[in-house]
Amino acid sequence: MLNDTLRDALAAASPERLLDAATAWTRTQDGGGQDPGLMADFLERLAELARDAGPPRRLYCGMSL
């Protein structure tokens, strides 16, 4: 489950801010070597879900590697 603070931040983030976050993410150990554009696309899709969820609903995110 993503906490409410992260849900709200994603919902409010502009596409430019999400690209900035994705680019920074690619500089970390977890995101190293990834395409910032693909990471930004993931964040934009997650942001859409966050906008749809909104209070009082929670946002859950499961990942499979």
C-alpha atoms as a PDB file:
ATOM      1  CA  MET A   1       0.000   0.000   0.000  1.00  0.00           C
ATOM      2  CA  LEU A   2       1.237   3.466  -0.830  1.00  0.00           C
ATOM      3  CA  ASN A   3       0.733   5.879   2.030  1.00  0.00           C
ATOM      4  CA  ASP A   4      -1.639   8.812   1.636  1.00  0.00           C
ATOM      5  CA  THR A   5       1.194  11.336   1.392  1.00  0.00           C
ATOM      6  CA  LEU A   6       2.735   9.558  -1.603  1.00  0.00           C
ATOM      7  CA  ARG A   7      -0.699   9.053  -3.200  1.00  0.00           C
ATOM      8  CA  ASP A   8      -1.438  12.773  -2.886  1.00  0.00           C
ATOM      9  CA  ALA A   9       2.006  13.818  -4.150  1.00  0.00           C
ATOM     10  CA  LEU A  10       1.661  11.584  -7.210  1.00  0.00           C
ATOM     11  CA  ALA A  11      -1.830  12.909  -7.879  1.00  0.00           C
ATOM     12  CA  ALA A  12      -0.598  16.513  -7.767  1.00  0.00           C
ATOM     13  CA  ALA A  13       2.617  16.003  -9.758  1.00  0.00           C
ATOM     14  CA  SER A  14       2.947  17.460 -13.245  1.00  0.00           C
ATOM     15  CA  PRO A  15       4.362  15.341 -16.086  1.00  0.00           C
ATOM     16  CA  GLU A  16       7.534  17.459 -15.945  1.00  0.00           C
ATOM     17  CA  ARG A  17       7.962  16.764 -12.227  1.00  0.00           C
ATOM     18  CA  LEU A  18       7.421  13.053 -12.795  1.00  0.00           C
ATOM     19  CA  LEU A  19      10.100  13.072 -15.516  1.00  0.00           C
ATOM     20  CA  ASP A  20      12.482  14.854 -13.113  1.00  0.00           C
ATOM     21  CA  ALA A  21      11.760  12.204 -10.474  1.00  0.00           C
ATOM     22  CA  ALA A  22      12.218   9.394 -12.991  1.00  0.00           C
ATOM     23  CA  THR A  23      15.538  10.844 -14.146  1.00  0.00           C
ATOM     24  CA  ALA A  24      16.743  11.073 -10.549  1.00  0.00           C
ATOM     25  CA  TRP A  25      15.516   7.511  -9.953  1.00  0.00           C
ATOM     26  CA  THR A  26      17.747   6.240 -12.786  1.00  0.00           C
ATOM     27  CA  ARG A  27      20.743   7.571 -10.857  1.00  0.00           C
ATOM     28  CA  THR A  28      20.025   5.332  -7.860  1.00  0.00           C
ATOM     29  CA  GLN A  29      21.091   1.742  -7.325  1.00  0.00           C
ATOM     30  CA  ASP A  30      17.497   0.521  -7.815  1.00  0.00           C
ATOM     31  CA  GLY A  31      16.903   2.459 -11.021  1.00  0.00           C
ATOM     32  CA  GLY A  32      20.379   2.412 -12.518  1.00  0.00           C
ATOM     33  CA  GLY A  33      20.542   1.681 -16.212  1.00  0.00           C
ATOM     34  CA  GLN A  34      16.824   2.242 -16.804  1.00  0.00           C
ATOM     35  CA  ASP A  35      15.379   4.542 -19.454  1.00  0.00           C
ATOM     36  CA  PRO A  36      14.083   7.732 -17.773  1.00  0.00           C
ATOM     37  CA  GLY A  37      11.257   7.934 -20.317  1.00  0.00           C
ATOM     38  CA  LEU A  38      10.001   4.476 -19.410  1.00  0.00           C
ATOM     39  CA  MET A  39      10.304   5.240 -15.707  1.00  0.00           C
ATOM     40  CA  ALA A  40       8.382   8.502 -16.228  1.00  0.00           C
ATOM     41  CA  ASP A  41       5.668   6.595 -18.108  1.00  0.00           C
ATOM     42  CA  PHE A  42       5.329   4.227 -15.136  1.00  0.00           C
ATOM     43  CA  LEU A  43       5.082   7.170 -12.732  1.00  0.00           C
ATOM     44  CA  GLU A  44       2.512   8.912 -14.941  1.00  0.00           C
ATOM     45  CA  ARG A  45       0.344   5.785 -14.966  1.00  0.00           C
ATOM     46  CA  LEU A  46       0.702   5.494 -11.201  1.00  0.00           C
ATOM     47  CA  ALA A  47      -0.221   9.181 -10.883  1.00  0.00           C
ATOM     48  CA  GLU A  48      -3.399   8.561 -12.898  1.00  0.00           C
ATOM     49  CA  LEU A  49      -4.349   5.810 -10.463  1.00  0.00           C
ATOM     50  CA  ALA A  50      -3.562   8.121  -7.546  1.00  0.00           C
ATOM     51  CA  ARG A  51      -5.829  10.837  -8.969  1.00  0.00           C
ATOM     52  CA  ASP A  52      -8.625   8.307  -9.401  1.00  0.00           C
ATOM     53  CA  ALA A  53      -8.147   6.913  -5.893  1.00  0.00           C
ATOM     54  CA  GLY A  54      -8.056  10.145  -3.915  1.00  0.00           C
ATOM     55  CA  PRO A  55      -9.234  10.373  -0.323  1.00  0.00           C
ATOM     56  CA  PRO A  56     -10.651   8.327   1.333  1.00  0.00           C
ATOM     57  CA  ARG A  57      -9.530   5.441  -0.906  1.00  0.00           C
ATOM     58  CA  ARG A  58      -6.125   3.831  -0.601  1.00  0.00           C
ATOM     59  CA  LEU A  59      -3.705   3.038  -3.412  1.00  0.00           C
ATOM     60  CA  TYR A  60      -2.102  -0.387  -3.577  1.00  0.00           C
ATOM     61  CA  CYS A  61       0.764  -1.277  -5.866  1.00  0.00           C
ATOM     62  CA  GLY A  62       2.020  -4.799  -6.432  1.00  0.00           C
ATOM     63  CA  MET A  63       5.072  -5.556  -8.525  1.00  0.00           C
ATOM     64  CA  SER A  64       6.349  -8.768 -10.001  1.00  0.00           C
ATOM     65  CA  LEU A  65       9.918  -9.068 -11.175  1.00  0.00           C
END
